[in-house]
Amino acid sequence: MSKKGNKKKGGDDGEREEEEKVMVLEHKCRALQTRLVEEQERGDKAKAAENEIRARVMEMENDLKKEKDKLFCIVSDMTRQYKQMQEELLKQITDLRSTDVEKEEIIKNKEQYIQDMVKDYEYRLKKKDDEISELKRKIEEMSAEFARMLKDTLDKMQERIQLAQWDNDTDPQIMKKIKDIAGMQTHQQN
């Protein structure tokens, strides 16, 4: 309603409104121009930053390429060293295995020698034990025979002593016969 009323009031109000609209639009235009300038400055700064970033990215790419080349050289050298060490270690392993086989053979021979020596020692020990047992048996037999001989001698001596006592008590003729018999037995044993 106010618009209709404004138009009716006169042309001054319309012009004024028009001027106000123009002023608002000019103000908006200036604000937009300011904003455009700011956006252009911001765009220029962004472009400069982008160019700077691109330059840094290119520099970093160059540095990365240099690092990759350096890394490749290092990796190549490390690989060469690794292969060389691997070959040396494989050679050492082969040498140690052959040495191990040789030592095992020597140990096996020594063990066989020891077993043979132990068997020989046990054989000789058994043989000596058998000899000792045989000698002990002979000693016991000889001791038993000697003891029997001593007992026989003692018995004969006791018999003679008894006969000698009996002889003193009895007939001298009988004593003479006994002595003759005892002398014959002694003569036969010798």
N, C-alpha and C. Protein backbone atom coordinates (compact mmCIF):
# COMPACT_ATOMS: atom_id res chain seq x y z
N MET A 1 0.79 -1.17 0.00
CA MET A 1 0.00 0.00 0.00
C MET A 1 0.84 1.24 0.00
N SER A 2 1.91 1.12 0.63
CA SER A 2 2.73 2.31 0.70
C SER A 2 3.30 2.65 -0.64
N LYS A 3 3.50 1.70 -1.51
CA LYS A 3 4.03 1.99 -2.82
C LYS A 3 3.00 2.74 -3.64
N LYS A 4 1.81 2.32 -3.52
CA LYS A 4 0.75 2.99 -4.25
C LYS A 4 0.58 4.40 -3.71
N GLY A 5 0.71 4.44 -2.42
CA GLY A 5 0.55 5.75 -1.79
C GLY A 5 1.70 6.64 -2.15
N ASN A 6 2.86 6.12 -2.32
CA ASN A 6 4.03 6.91 -2.65
C ASN A 6 3.92 7.45 -4.06
N LYS A 7 3.39 6.68 -4.94
CA LYS A 7 3.27 7.12 -6.31
C LYS A 7 2.25 8.23 -6.39
N LYS A 8 1.32 8.14 -5.60
CA LYS A 8 0.27 9.15 -5.62
C LYS A 8 0.78 10.43 -5.04
N LYS A 9 1.69 10.37 -4.12
CA LYS A 9 2.14 11.57 -3.43
C LYS A 9 2.90 12.46 -4.38
N GLY A 10 3.49 11.87 -5.24
CA GLY A 10 4.14 12.78 -6.14
C GLY A 10 5.35 12.18 -6.77
N GLY A 11 5.92 12.99 -7.67
CA GLY A 11 7.06 12.55 -8.40
C GLY A 11 8.34 12.69 -7.63
N ASP A 12 8.34 13.56 -6.62
CA ASP A 12 9.55 13.73 -5.85
C ASP A 12 9.89 12.48 -5.07
N ASP A 13 8.90 11.96 -4.54
CA ASP A 13 9.17 10.74 -3.77
C ASP A 13 9.66 9.65 -4.69
N GLY A 14 9.17 9.57 -5.86
CA GLY A 14 9.58 8.54 -6.79
C GLY A 14 11.03 8.73 -7.20
N GLU A 15 11.35 10.02 -7.38
CA GLU A 15 12.72 10.28 -7.76
C GLU A 15 13.66 9.97 -6.61
N ARG A 16 13.18 10.32 -5.47
CA ARG A 16 13.99 10.06 -4.31
C ARG A 16 14.22 8.57 -4.12
N GLU A 17 13.19 7.87 -4.31
CA GLU A 17 13.31 6.42 -4.20
C GLU A 17 14.27 5.91 -5.25
N GLU A 18 14.15 6.50 -6.40
CA GLU A 18 15.02 6.11 -7.50
C GLU A 18 16.46 6.44 -7.13
N GLU A 19 16.67 7.58 -6.57
CA GLU A 19 18.02 7.99 -6.19
C GLU A 19 18.55 7.08 -5.09
N GLU A 20 17.65 6.77 -4.18
CA GLU A 20 18.07 5.87 -3.10
C GLU A 20 18.44 4.51 -3.68
N LYS A 21 17.62 4.06 -4.61
CA LYS A 21 17.90 2.76 -5.23
C LYS A 21 19.23 2.83 -5.97
N VAL A 22 19.45 3.95 -6.66
CA VAL A 22 20.69 4.12 -7.40
C VAL A 22 21.85 4.13 -6.41
N MET A 23 21.66 4.85 -5.30
CA MET A 23 22.72 4.93 -4.31
C MET A 23 23.00 3.54 -3.71
N VAL A 24 21.94 2.85 -3.44
CA VAL A 24 22.11 1.49 -2.88
C VAL A 24 22.82 0.63 -3.91
N LEU A 25 22.39 0.78 -5.15
CA LEU A 25 23.01 -0.02 -6.20
C LEU A 25 24.47 0.40 -6.40
N GLU A 26 24.74 1.72 -6.33
CA GLU A 26 26.12 2.16 -6.46
C GLU A 26 26.96 1.63 -5.30
N HIS A 27 26.34 1.70 -4.15
CA HIS A 27 27.04 1.19 -2.96
C HIS A 27 27.32 -0.30 -3.12
N LYS A 28 26.31 -1.00 -3.61
CA LYS A 28 26.49 -2.44 -3.84
C LYS A 28 27.55 -2.65 -4.93
N CYS A 29 27.51 -1.76 -5.94
CA CYS A 29 28.47 -1.87 -7.04
C CYS A 29 29.89 -1.66 -6.52
N ARG A 30 30.05 -0.63 -5.67
CA ARG A 30 31.38 -0.37 -5.10
C ARG A 30 31.82 -1.54 -4.21
N ALA A 31 30.84 -2.02 -3.44
CA ALA A 31 31.17 -3.15 -2.56
C ALA A 31 31.59 -4.36 -3.41
N LEU A 32 30.85 -4.54 -4.50
CA LEU A 32 31.18 -5.67 -5.38
C LEU A 32 32.54 -5.43 -6.06
N GLN A 33 32.80 -4.15 -6.44
CA GLN A 33 34.10 -3.85 -7.06
C GLN A 33 35.22 -4.08 -6.04
N THR A 34 34.97 -3.65 -4.79
CA THR A 34 35.96 -3.86 -3.73
C THR A 34 36.18 -5.36 -3.52
N ARG A 35 35.04 -6.01 -3.49
CA ARG A 35 35.12 -7.46 -3.30
C ARG A 35 35.85 -8.11 -4.48
N LEU A 36 35.56 -7.60 -5.70
CA LEU A 36 36.22 -8.12 -6.90
C LEU A 36 37.72 -7.88 -6.82
N VAL A 37 38.10 -6.67 -6.37
CA VAL A 37 39.53 -6.37 -6.23
C VAL A 37 40.16 -7.30 -5.21
N GLU A 38 39.43 -7.47 -4.09
CA GLU A 38 39.95 -8.35 -3.04
C GLU A 38 40.08 -9.78 -3.56
N GLU A 39 39.05 -10.22 -4.30
CA GLU A 39 39.08 -11.58 -4.86
C GLU A 39 40.20 -11.71 -5.87
N GLN A 40 40.43 -10.62 -6.68
CA GLN A 40 41.52 -10.67 -7.65
C GLN A 40 42.86 -10.73 -6.91
N GLU A 41 42.97 -9.93 -5.85
CA GLU A 41 44.21 -9.95 -5.06
C GLU A 41 44.40 -11.33 -4.44
N ARG A 42 43.30 -11.82 -3.90
CA ARG A 42 43.36 -13.16 -3.31
C ARG A 42 43.70 -14.20 -4.38
N GLY A 43 43.10 -14.05 -5.56
CA GLY A 43 43.40 -14.95 -6.67
C GLY A 43 44.86 -14.82 -7.08
N ASP A 44 45.36 -13.55 -7.14
CA ASP A 44 46.77 -13.35 -7.49
C ASP A 44 47.68 -13.98 -6.44
N LYS A 45 47.28 -13.78 -5.15
CA LYS A 45 48.08 -14.38 -4.07
C LYS A 45 48.03 -15.91 -4.18
N ALA A 46 46.83 -16.42 -4.47
CA ALA A 46 46.69 -17.87 -4.60
C ALA A 46 47.52 -18.36 -5.78
N LYS A 47 47.49 -17.61 -6.87
CA LYS A 47 48.27 -17.97 -8.05
C LYS A 47 49.76 -17.95 -7.71
N ALA A 48 50.17 -16.89 -6.98
CA ALA A 48 51.58 -16.79 -6.58
C ALA A 48 51.94 -17.95 -5.65
N ALA A 49 51.02 -18.22 -4.69
CA ALA A 49 51.26 -19.34 -3.78
C ALA A 49 51.30 -20.64 -4.56
N GLU A 50 50.40 -20.77 -5.52
CA GLU A 50 50.37 -21.98 -6.34
C GLU A 50 51.67 -22.11 -7.12
N ASN A 51 52.14 -20.99 -7.70
CA ASN A 51 53.40 -21.01 -8.45
C ASN A 51 54.56 -21.37 -7.51
N GLU A 52 54.51 -20.78 -6.32
CA GLU A 52 55.56 -21.06 -5.33
C GLU A 52 55.51 -22.55 -4.94
N ILE A 53 54.27 -23.05 -4.71
CA ILE A 53 54.12 -24.46 -4.35
C ILE A 53 54.59 -25.34 -5.49
N ARG A 54 54.22 -24.95 -6.74
CA ARG A 54 54.69 -25.73 -7.89
C ARG A 54 56.21 -25.75 -7.96
N ALA A 55 56.81 -24.59 -7.68
CA ALA A 55 58.27 -24.51 -7.71
C ALA A 55 58.85 -25.41 -6.62
N ARG A 56 58.21 -25.36 -5.44
CA ARG A 56 58.68 -26.21 -4.34
C ARG A 56 58.48 -27.69 -4.66
N VAL A 57 57.32 -27.99 -5.30
CA VAL A 57 57.03 -29.38 -5.69
C VAL A 57 58.08 -29.85 -6.69
N MET A 58 58.41 -29.00 -7.66
CA MET A 58 59.42 -29.37 -8.65
C MET A 58 60.78 -29.58 -7.96
N GLU A 59 61.08 -28.67 -7.04
CA GLU A 59 62.33 -28.80 -6.29
C GLU A 59 62.34 -30.10 -5.49
N MET A 60 61.18 -30.36 -4.86
CA MET A 60 61.08 -31.60 -4.07
C MET A 60 61.16 -32.84 -4.96
N GLU A 61 60.54 -32.73 -6.15
CA GLU A 61 60.63 -33.86 -7.08
C GLU A 61 62.06 -34.10 -7.51
N ASN A 62 62.80 -32.99 -7.75
CA ASN A 62 64.22 -33.12 -8.09
C ASN A 62 65.00 -33.74 -6.93
N ASP A 63 64.71 -33.22 -5.70
CA ASP A 63 65.37 -33.79 -4.51
C ASP A 63 65.01 -35.27 -4.36
N LEU A 64 63.72 -35.58 -4.61
CA LEU A 64 63.27 -36.96 -4.50
C LEU A 64 63.98 -37.83 -5.53
N LYS A 65 64.12 -37.31 -6.73
CA LYS A 65 64.82 -38.07 -7.78
C LYS A 65 66.27 -38.30 -7.38
N LYS A 66 66.91 -37.23 -6.83
CA LYS A 66 68.29 -37.38 -6.37
C LYS A 66 68.37 -38.42 -5.25
N GLU A 67 67.42 -38.35 -4.31
CA GLU A 67 67.39 -39.31 -3.20
C GLU A 67 67.15 -40.73 -3.70
N LYS A 68 66.25 -40.84 -4.71
CA LYS A 68 66.00 -42.16 -5.30
C LYS A 68 67.26 -42.70 -5.94
N ASP A 69 67.97 -41.82 -6.67
CA ASP A 69 69.22 -42.25 -7.30
C ASP A 69 70.24 -42.66 -6.24
N LYS A 70 70.34 -41.82 -5.18
CA LYS A 70 71.26 -42.13 -4.10
C LYS A 70 70.86 -43.45 -3.43
N LEU A 71 69.55 -43.60 -3.18
CA LEU A 71 69.03 -44.82 -2.55
C LEU A 71 69.31 -46.03 -3.44
N PHE A 72 69.14 -45.85 -4.75
CA PHE A 72 69.41 -46.95 -5.68
C PHE A 72 70.87 -47.36 -5.60
N CYS A 73 71.75 -46.36 -5.55
CA CYS A 73 73.19 -46.66 -5.44
C CYS A 73 73.47 -47.40 -4.13
N ILE A 74 72.88 -46.90 -3.04
CA ILE A 74 73.09 -47.53 -1.74
C ILE A 74 72.55 -48.96 -1.75
N VAL A 75 71.33 -49.12 -2.28
CA VAL A 75 70.71 -50.46 -2.34
C VAL A 75 71.56 -51.38 -3.21
N SER A 76 72.05 -50.87 -4.33
CA SER A 76 72.90 -51.69 -5.20
C SER A 76 74.17 -52.12 -4.46
N ASP A 77 74.78 -51.17 -3.75
CA ASP A 77 75.99 -51.48 -3.00
C ASP A 77 75.69 -52.48 -1.88
N MET A 78 74.58 -52.26 -1.16
CA MET A 78 74.19 -53.17 -0.07
C MET A 78 73.90 -54.56 -0.63
N THR A 79 73.24 -54.61 -1.78
CA THR A 79 72.93 -55.90 -2.41
C THR A 79 74.22 -56.62 -2.79
N ARG A 80 75.15 -55.87 -3.36
CA ARG A 80 76.44 -56.46 -3.72
C ARG A 80 77.15 -56.99 -2.48
N GLN A 81 77.18 -56.16 -1.40
CA GLN A 81 77.81 -56.59 -0.15
C GLN A 81 77.11 -57.81 0.43
N TYR A 82 75.77 -57.80 0.38
CA TYR A 82 74.99 -58.92 0.91
C TYR A 82 75.33 -60.21 0.15
N LYS A 83 75.37 -60.11 -1.19
CA LYS A 83 75.68 -61.30 -2.00
C LYS A 83 77.09 -61.78 -1.72
N GLN A 84 78.02 -60.84 -1.57
CA GLN A 84 79.40 -61.22 -1.27
C GLN A 84 79.48 -61.92 0.10
N MET A 85 78.80 -61.33 1.10
CA MET A 85 78.79 -61.95 2.43
C MET A 85 78.10 -63.31 2.39
N GLN A 86 77.03 -63.40 1.62
CA GLN A 86 76.31 -64.67 1.51
C GLN A 86 77.21 -65.74 0.90
N GLU A 87 77.95 -65.37 -0.13
CA GLU A 87 78.87 -66.33 -0.75
C GLU A 87 79.96 -66.75 0.24
N GLU A 88 80.50 -65.77 0.99
CA GLU A 88 81.53 -66.09 1.98
C GLU A 88 80.97 -67.02 3.06
N LEU A 89 79.77 -66.70 3.53
CA LEU A 89 79.16 -67.53 4.57
C LEU A 89 78.84 -68.93 4.05
N LEU A 90 78.38 -69.02 2.81
CA LEU A 90 78.11 -70.35 2.23
C LEU A 90 79.40 -71.15 2.11
N LYS A 91 80.48 -70.46 1.74
CA LYS A 91 81.78 -71.14 1.66
C LYS A 91 82.21 -71.62 3.04
N GLN A 92 82.04 -70.74 4.06
CA GLN A 92 82.39 -71.12 5.43
C GLN A 92 81.54 -72.31 5.89
N ILE A 93 80.25 -72.26 5.57
CA ILE A 93 79.37 -73.35 5.95
C ILE A 93 79.82 -74.66 5.30
N THR A 94 80.15 -74.58 4.00
CA THR A 94 80.62 -75.77 3.29
C THR A 94 81.91 -76.30 3.92
N ASP A 95 82.85 -75.38 4.20
CA ASP A 95 84.11 -75.78 4.83
C ASP A 95 83.86 -76.41 6.20
N LEU A 96 82.99 -75.78 6.98
CA LEU A 96 82.70 -76.30 8.33
C LEU A 96 82.01 -77.66 8.25
N ARG A 97 81.14 -77.84 7.27
CA ARG A 97 80.47 -79.13 7.13
C ARG A 97 81.48 -80.22 6.76
N SER A 98 82.39 -79.89 5.85
CA SER A 98 83.40 -80.89 5.48
C SER A 98 84.31 -81.18 6.68
N THR A 99 84.67 -80.14 7.42
CA THR A 99 85.47 -80.34 8.63
C THR A 99 84.71 -81.19 9.64
N ASP A 100 83.41 -80.91 9.75
CA ASP A 100 82.56 -81.67 10.68
C ASP A 100 82.53 -83.14 10.29
N VAL A 101 82.40 -83.41 9.00
CA VAL A 101 82.38 -84.80 8.52
C VAL A 101 83.72 -85.47 8.84
N GLU A 102 84.82 -84.76 8.59
CA GLU A 102 86.14 -85.31 8.89
C GLU A 102 86.28 -85.61 10.38
N LYS A 103 85.86 -84.66 11.20
CA LYS A 103 85.97 -84.84 12.66
C LYS A 103 85.09 -85.99 13.13
N GLU A 104 83.89 -86.10 12.57
CA GLU A 104 83.01 -87.21 12.94
C GLU A 104 83.65 -88.55 12.58
N GLU A 105 84.31 -88.60 11.43
CA GLU A 105 85.00 -89.82 11.01
C GLU A 105 86.13 -90.14 11.99
N ILE A 106 86.89 -89.11 12.37
CA ILE A 106 87.98 -89.31 13.34
C ILE A 106 87.40 -89.80 14.67
N ILE A 107 86.31 -89.17 15.11
CA ILE A 107 85.68 -89.57 16.38
C ILE A 107 85.19 -91.02 16.28
N LYS A 108 84.59 -91.38 15.15
CA LYS A 108 84.10 -92.75 14.96
C LYS A 108 85.26 -93.73 15.04
N ASN A 109 86.38 -93.38 14.38
CA ASN A 109 87.56 -94.26 14.43
C ASN A 109 88.11 -94.38 15.84
N LYS A 110 88.16 -93.25 16.56
CA LYS A 110 88.64 -93.27 17.95
C LYS A 110 87.72 -94.12 18.83
N GLU A 111 86.41 -93.97 18.64
CA GLU A 111 85.47 -94.76 19.43
C GLU A 111 85.64 -96.25 19.13
N GLN A 112 85.84 -96.59 17.85
CA GLN A 112 86.06 -98.00 17.49
C GLN A 112 87.34 -98.51 18.12
N TYR A 113 88.38 -97.68 18.09
CA TYR A 113 89.65 -98.05 18.71
C TYR A 113 89.48 -98.29 20.21
N ILE A 114 88.74 -97.39 20.85
CA ILE A 114 88.48 -97.52 22.29
C ILE A 114 87.69 -98.79 22.56
N GLN A 115 86.66 -99.07 21.75
CA GLN A 115 85.88 -100.29 21.94
C GLN A 115 86.75 -101.53 21.78
N ASP A 116 87.61 -101.50 20.76
CA ASP A 116 88.52 -102.63 20.56
C ASP A 116 89.45 -102.80 21.75
N MET A 117 89.98 -101.68 22.25
CA MET A 117 90.87 -101.74 23.42
C MET A 117 90.14 -102.28 24.64
N VAL A 118 88.89 -101.83 24.83
CA VAL A 118 88.10 -102.29 25.97
C VAL A 118 87.85 -103.80 25.85
N LYS A 119 87.48 -104.26 24.63
CA LYS A 119 87.25 -105.69 24.42
C LYS A 119 88.52 -106.48 24.71
N ASP A 120 89.65 -105.99 24.19
CA ASP A 120 90.92 -106.66 24.41
C ASP A 120 91.26 -106.70 25.90
N TYR A 121 91.05 -105.56 26.57
CA TYR A 121 91.32 -105.48 28.01
C TYR A 121 90.42 -106.45 28.77
N GLU A 122 89.13 -106.50 28.41
CA GLU A 122 88.20 -107.40 29.08
C GLU A 122 88.58 -108.86 28.83
N TYR A 123 89.02 -109.15 27.59
CA TYR A 123 89.45 -110.51 27.26
C TYR A 123 90.66 -110.90 28.11
N ARG A 124 91.67 -110.00 28.14
CA ARG A 124 92.86 -110.30 28.94
C ARG A 124 92.54 -110.39 30.42
N LEU A 125 91.64 -109.52 30.89
CA LEU A 125 91.24 -109.54 32.29
C LEU A 125 90.54 -110.87 32.62
N LYS A 126 89.66 -111.31 31.72
CA LYS A 126 88.97 -112.59 31.93
C LYS A 126 89.97 -113.73 31.94
N LYS A 127 90.93 -113.66 31.00
CA LYS A 127 91.95 -114.70 30.93
C LYS A 127 92.75 -114.74 32.23
N LYS A 128 93.14 -113.57 32.74
CA LYS A 128 93.90 -113.52 34.00
C LYS A 128 93.03 -114.00 35.15
N ASP A 129 91.73 -113.63 35.15
CA ASP A 129 90.83 -114.11 36.20
C ASP A 129 90.73 -115.63 36.16
N ASP A 130 90.66 -116.19 34.93
CA ASP A 130 90.62 -117.65 34.80
C ASP A 130 91.91 -118.28 35.32
N GLU A 131 93.05 -117.66 34.98
CA GLU A 131 94.34 -118.17 35.48
C GLU A 131 94.38 -118.10 37.00
N ILE A 132 93.92 -116.98 37.55
CA ILE A 132 93.91 -116.81 39.01
C ILE A 132 93.01 -117.87 39.64
N SER A 133 91.83 -118.08 39.04
CA SER A 133 90.92 -119.10 39.58
C SER A 133 91.56 -120.48 39.54
N GLU A 134 92.23 -120.80 38.42
CA GLU A 134 92.90 -122.10 38.28
C GLU A 134 94.00 -122.23 39.32
N LEU A 135 94.80 -121.15 39.49
CA LEU A 135 95.88 -121.20 40.49
C LEU A 135 95.32 -121.33 41.90
N LYS A 136 94.22 -120.63 42.19
CA LYS A 136 93.60 -120.76 43.50
C LYS A 136 93.12 -122.20 43.72
N ARG A 137 92.51 -122.79 42.67
CA ARG A 137 92.04 -124.18 42.78
C ARG A 137 93.21 -125.11 43.06
N LYS A 138 94.34 -124.89 42.32
CA LYS A 138 95.53 -125.73 42.54
C LYS A 138 96.07 -125.54 43.94
N ILE A 139 96.10 -124.26 44.39
CA ILE A 139 96.60 -123.98 45.75
C ILE A 139 95.72 -124.69 46.77
N GLU A 140 94.39 -124.61 46.55
CA GLU A 140 93.49 -125.28 47.49
C GLU A 140 93.71 -126.79 47.48
N GLU A 141 93.89 -127.36 46.26
CA GLU A 141 94.15 -128.79 46.16
C GLU A 141 95.46 -129.14 46.88
N MET A 142 96.49 -128.30 46.59
CA MET A 142 97.78 -128.56 47.22
C MET A 142 97.69 -128.38 48.72
N SER A 143 96.95 -127.38 49.16
CA SER A 143 96.78 -127.15 50.60
C SER A 143 96.06 -128.33 51.22
N ALA A 144 95.00 -128.80 50.52
CA ALA A 144 94.25 -129.94 51.04
C ALA A 144 95.14 -131.18 51.10
N GLU A 145 95.94 -131.38 50.02
CA GLU A 145 96.84 -132.53 50.00
C GLU A 145 97.89 -132.41 51.09
N PHE A 146 98.44 -131.17 51.24
CA PHE A 146 99.44 -130.94 52.28
C PHE A 146 98.83 -131.16 53.67
N ALA A 147 97.59 -130.68 53.83
CA ALA A 147 96.92 -130.88 55.12
C ALA A 147 96.69 -132.36 55.37
N ARG A 148 96.30 -133.09 54.31
CA ARG A 148 96.09 -134.54 54.46
C ARG A 148 97.41 -135.22 54.80
N MET A 149 98.50 -134.77 54.13
CA MET A 149 99.81 -135.37 54.41
C MET A 149 100.22 -135.09 55.85
N LEU A 150 100.00 -133.83 56.28
CA LEU A 150 100.34 -133.47 57.67
C LEU A 150 99.51 -134.30 58.65
N LYS A 151 98.23 -134.46 58.31
CA LYS A 151 97.36 -135.25 59.20
C LYS A 151 97.81 -136.69 59.25
N ASP A 152 98.16 -137.22 58.05
CA ASP A 152 98.66 -138.62 58.02
C ASP A 152 99.93 -138.73 58.84
N THR A 153 100.83 -137.76 58.65
CA THR A 153 102.09 -137.77 59.40
C THR A 153 101.81 -137.67 60.88
N LEU A 154 100.91 -136.78 61.24
CA LEU A 154 100.56 -136.60 62.65
C LEU A 154 99.95 -137.88 63.21
N ASP A 155 99.05 -138.48 62.39
CA ASP A 155 98.42 -139.73 62.84
C ASP A 155 99.48 -140.82 63.04
N LYS A 156 100.40 -140.91 62.12
CA LYS A 156 101.46 -141.91 62.22
C LYS A 156 102.33 -141.63 63.43
N MET A 157 102.63 -140.33 63.63
CA MET A 157 103.46 -139.98 64.79
C MET A 157 102.72 -140.32 66.08
N GLN A 158 101.44 -140.05 66.11
CA GLN A 158 100.66 -140.36 67.31
C GLN A 158 100.62 -141.89 67.51
N GLU A 159 100.48 -142.59 66.39
CA GLU A 159 100.46 -144.05 66.45
C GLU A 159 101.79 -144.58 66.99
N ARG A 160 102.84 -144.00 66.48
CA ARG A 160 104.17 -144.44 66.93
C ARG A 160 104.38 -144.10 68.41
N ILE A 161 103.89 -142.87 68.76
CA ILE A 161 104.03 -142.50 70.18
C ILE A 161 103.25 -143.48 71.04
N GLN A 162 102.07 -143.80 70.61
CA GLN A 162 101.25 -144.75 71.39
C GLN A 162 101.92 -146.14 71.42
N LEU A 163 102.46 -146.52 70.26
CA LEU A 163 103.13 -147.82 70.21
C LEU A 163 104.39 -147.82 71.08
N ALA A 164 105.03 -146.67 71.06
CA ALA A 164 106.24 -146.59 71.88
C ALA A 164 105.86 -146.70 73.35
N GLN A 165 104.78 -146.11 73.71
CA GLN A 165 104.33 -146.22 75.10
C GLN A 165 103.87 -147.66 75.37
N TRP A 166 103.19 -148.20 74.43
CA TRP A 166 102.69 -149.57 74.58
C TRP A 166 103.86 -150.55 74.62
N ASP A 167 104.90 -150.24 73.82
CA ASP A 167 106.09 -151.07 73.76
C ASP A 167 106.76 -151.12 75.12
N ASN A 168 106.80 -150.00 75.74
CA ASN A 168 107.39 -149.99 77.07
C ASN A 168 106.54 -150.84 78.01
N ASP A 169 105.28 -150.88 77.70
CA ASP A 169 104.37 -151.61 78.58
C ASP A 169 104.23 -153.06 78.13
N THR A 170 104.42 -153.40 76.92
CA THR A 170 104.13 -154.74 76.40
C THR A 170 105.36 -155.43 75.82
N ASP A 171 105.06 -156.37 75.02
CA ASP A 171 106.07 -157.26 74.47
C ASP A 171 106.98 -156.53 73.48
N PRO A 172 108.30 -156.71 73.62
CA PRO A 172 109.22 -156.05 72.72
C PRO A 172 109.17 -156.63 71.32
N GLN A 173 108.71 -157.78 71.11
CA GLN A 173 108.63 -158.41 69.79
C GLN A 173 107.57 -157.71 68.94
N ILE A 174 106.47 -157.44 69.51
CA ILE A 174 105.37 -156.79 68.78
C ILE A 174 105.82 -155.39 68.35
N MET A 175 106.52 -154.73 69.22
CA MET A 175 107.00 -153.39 68.93
C MET A 175 107.96 -153.41 67.75
N LYS A 176 108.74 -154.42 67.69
CA LYS A 176 109.72 -154.53 66.63
C LYS A 176 109.00 -154.71 65.30
N LYS A 177 107.94 -155.50 65.25
CA LYS A 177 107.17 -155.72 64.04
C LYS A 177 106.49 -154.43 63.59
N ILE A 178 105.96 -153.72 64.53
CA ILE A 178 105.27 -152.46 64.20
C ILE A 178 106.27 -151.48 63.61
N LYS A 179 107.44 -151.42 64.18
CA LYS A 179 108.46 -150.51 63.68
C LYS A 179 108.88 -150.91 62.27
N ASP A 180 108.96 -152.21 62.03
CA ASP A 180 109.33 -152.69 60.71
C ASP A 180 108.25 -152.30 59.69
N ILE A 181 107.00 -152.46 60.09
CA ILE A 181 105.89 -152.11 59.21
C ILE A 181 105.90 -150.59 58.92
N ALA A 182 106.12 -149.79 59.95
CA ALA A 182 106.15 -148.36 59.78
C ALA A 182 107.32 -147.96 58.90
N GLY A 183 108.44 -148.63 59.02
CA GLY A 183 109.60 -148.33 58.20
C GLY A 183 109.34 -148.69 56.75
N MET A 184 108.63 -149.76 56.48
CA MET A 184 108.31 -150.17 55.13
C MET A 184 107.38 -149.14 54.47
N GLN A 185 106.42 -148.68 55.22
CA GLN A 185 105.48 -147.68 54.68
C GLN A 185 106.22 -146.38 54.34
N THR A 186 107.13 -145.99 55.18
CA THR A 186 107.88 -144.77 54.93
C THR A 186 108.74 -144.96 53.70
N HIS A 187 109.33 -146.13 53.56
CA HIS A 187 110.19 -146.42 52.45
C HIS A 187 109.36 -146.45 51.14
N GLN A 188 108.17 -146.97 51.18
CA GLN A 188 107.30 -147.03 50.00
C GLN A 188 106.83 -145.64 49.58
N GLN A 189 106.56 -144.75 50.52
CA GLN A 189 106.11 -143.39 50.19
C GLN A 189 107.22 -142.61 49.51
N ASN A 190 108.45 -142.82 49.90
CA ASN A 190 109.55 -142.09 49.31
C ASN A 190 109.81 -142.64 47.94
